[in-house]
Amino acid sequence: MTGSLPVPGDWQGRLYVLVQVDFFLGSATSHVPTPTLLSAVPDGRGLASVGRNTLALLWIYYFLELSPTDAFPSLPAQGVLTLTYSLQNN
């Protein structure tokens, strides 16, 4: 994760992820069916498992937690949050 989003403090500790399996023909499982801190997703497990020869539609949602006490430098605040992901074949 990289970015220039001016969130006070450690924004990496505020980023949540949720994966929904909407349609599949075969076997597909979400490992984060509820909002989970991205840093709490176990290494090597990934966000979801999709079986061989499976057709699946996965919805991946990211949530950034903000607090009413956060002091932004100036509003409206702007910035970029870049997430890089990859598909792995086991």
Protein backbone atom coordinates (compact mmCIF):
# COMPACT_ATOMS: atom_id res chain seq x y z
CA MET A 1 0.00 0.00 0.00
CA THR A 2 1.19 3.45 -0.85
CA GLY A 3 -0.46 6.82 -1.03
CA SER A 4 -0.61 10.48 -0.26
CA LEU A 5 -3.95 10.54 1.56
CA PRO A 6 -3.48 13.05 4.40
CA VAL A 7 -5.07 10.91 7.13
CA PRO A 8 -3.58 11.76 10.53
CA GLY A 9 -1.63 8.94 12.14
CA ASP A 10 -1.08 5.53 10.58
CA TRP A 11 -3.74 5.08 7.87
CA GLN A 12 -2.52 1.54 7.24
CA GLY A 13 -3.96 0.64 10.65
CA ARG A 14 -7.33 2.06 9.56
CA LEU A 15 -7.83 0.23 6.26
CA TYR A 16 -10.42 -2.56 6.25
CA VAL A 17 -11.27 -5.06 3.52
CA LEU A 18 -14.34 -7.20 2.83
CA VAL A 19 -14.78 -9.78 0.06
CA GLN A 20 -18.14 -11.07 -1.13
CA VAL A 21 -18.53 -14.05 -3.44
CA ASP A 22 -21.49 -13.00 -5.59
CA PHE A 23 -21.59 -15.71 -8.24
CA PHE A 24 -19.59 -18.83 -8.69
CA LEU A 25 -19.71 -21.97 -10.73
CA GLY A 26 -17.42 -24.30 -8.83
CA SER A 27 -15.95 -23.50 -5.44
CA ALA A 28 -15.10 -20.05 -4.10
CA THR A 29 -14.74 -18.89 -0.50
CA SER A 30 -14.20 -15.48 1.04
CA HIS A 31 -11.66 -15.40 3.87
CA VAL A 32 -12.82 -11.93 4.94
CA PRO A 33 -16.65 -12.00 4.82
CA THR A 34 -16.85 -9.13 7.33
CA PRO A 35 -14.83 -5.90 7.43
CA THR A 36 -11.35 -6.90 8.62
CA LEU A 37 -8.25 -4.79 9.10
CA LEU A 38 -6.10 -5.44 6.06
CA SER A 39 -3.11 -5.84 8.35
CA ALA A 40 -5.00 -8.64 10.20
CA VAL A 41 -5.49 -10.84 7.12
CA PRO A 42 -3.18 -13.84 7.65
CA ASP A 43 -0.17 -13.93 5.33
CA GLY A 44 -0.34 -16.67 2.74
CA ARG A 45 -4.10 -17.10 3.07
CA GLY A 46 -5.20 -14.24 0.88
CA LEU A 47 -8.60 -12.60 0.67
CA ALA A 48 -10.40 -15.48 -1.04
CA SER A 49 -9.89 -18.96 -2.42
CA VAL A 50 -11.18 -19.88 -5.86
CA GLY A 51 -11.10 -23.50 -6.94
CA ARG A 52 -9.61 -24.75 -10.15
CA ASN A 53 -11.91 -24.35 -13.20
CA THR A 54 -14.20 -22.05 -11.21
CA LEU A 55 -16.01 -19.06 -12.65
CA ALA A 56 -16.38 -16.54 -9.82
CA LEU A 57 -17.37 -12.91 -9.35
CA LEU A 58 -15.70 -11.41 -6.29
CA TRP A 59 -16.61 -7.99 -4.91
CA ILE A 60 -13.71 -6.48 -2.98
CA TYR A 61 -14.56 -3.49 -0.76
CA TYR A 62 -12.07 -1.28 1.06
CA PHE A 63 -13.07 0.95 3.96
CA LEU A 64 -10.88 3.66 5.46
CA GLU A 65 -11.77 4.47 9.06
CA LEU A 66 -11.87 8.17 9.85
CA SER A 67 -12.51 9.76 13.21
CA PRO A 68 -14.42 12.98 14.00
CA THR A 69 -11.34 14.03 15.98
CA ASP A 70 -9.00 13.72 12.97
CA ALA A 71 -7.44 17.06 12.12
CA PHE A 72 -6.99 17.40 8.38
CA PRO A 73 -4.60 20.06 7.09
CA SER A 74 -7.35 21.75 5.08
CA LEU A 75 -10.76 20.66 3.87
CA PRO A 76 -11.66 19.36 1.45
CA ALA A 77 -8.76 16.96 1.85
CA GLN A 78 -7.58 15.13 -1.23
CA GLY A 79 -5.12 12.36 -1.79
CA VAL A 80 -4.48 9.00 -3.36
CA LEU A 81 -4.44 5.55 -1.82
CA THR A 82 -2.89 2.89 -4.05
CA LEU A 83 -3.40 -0.81 -3.38
CA THR A 84 -1.49 -3.35 -5.42
CA TYR A 85 -2.85 -6.88 -5.54
CA SER A 86 -2.10 -10.06 -7.42
CA LEU A 87 -3.71 -13.38 -8.17
CA GLN A 88 -1.79 -16.40 -6.98
CA ASN A 89 -1.92 -19.91 -8.28
CA ASN A 90 -1.26 -22.55 -5.63
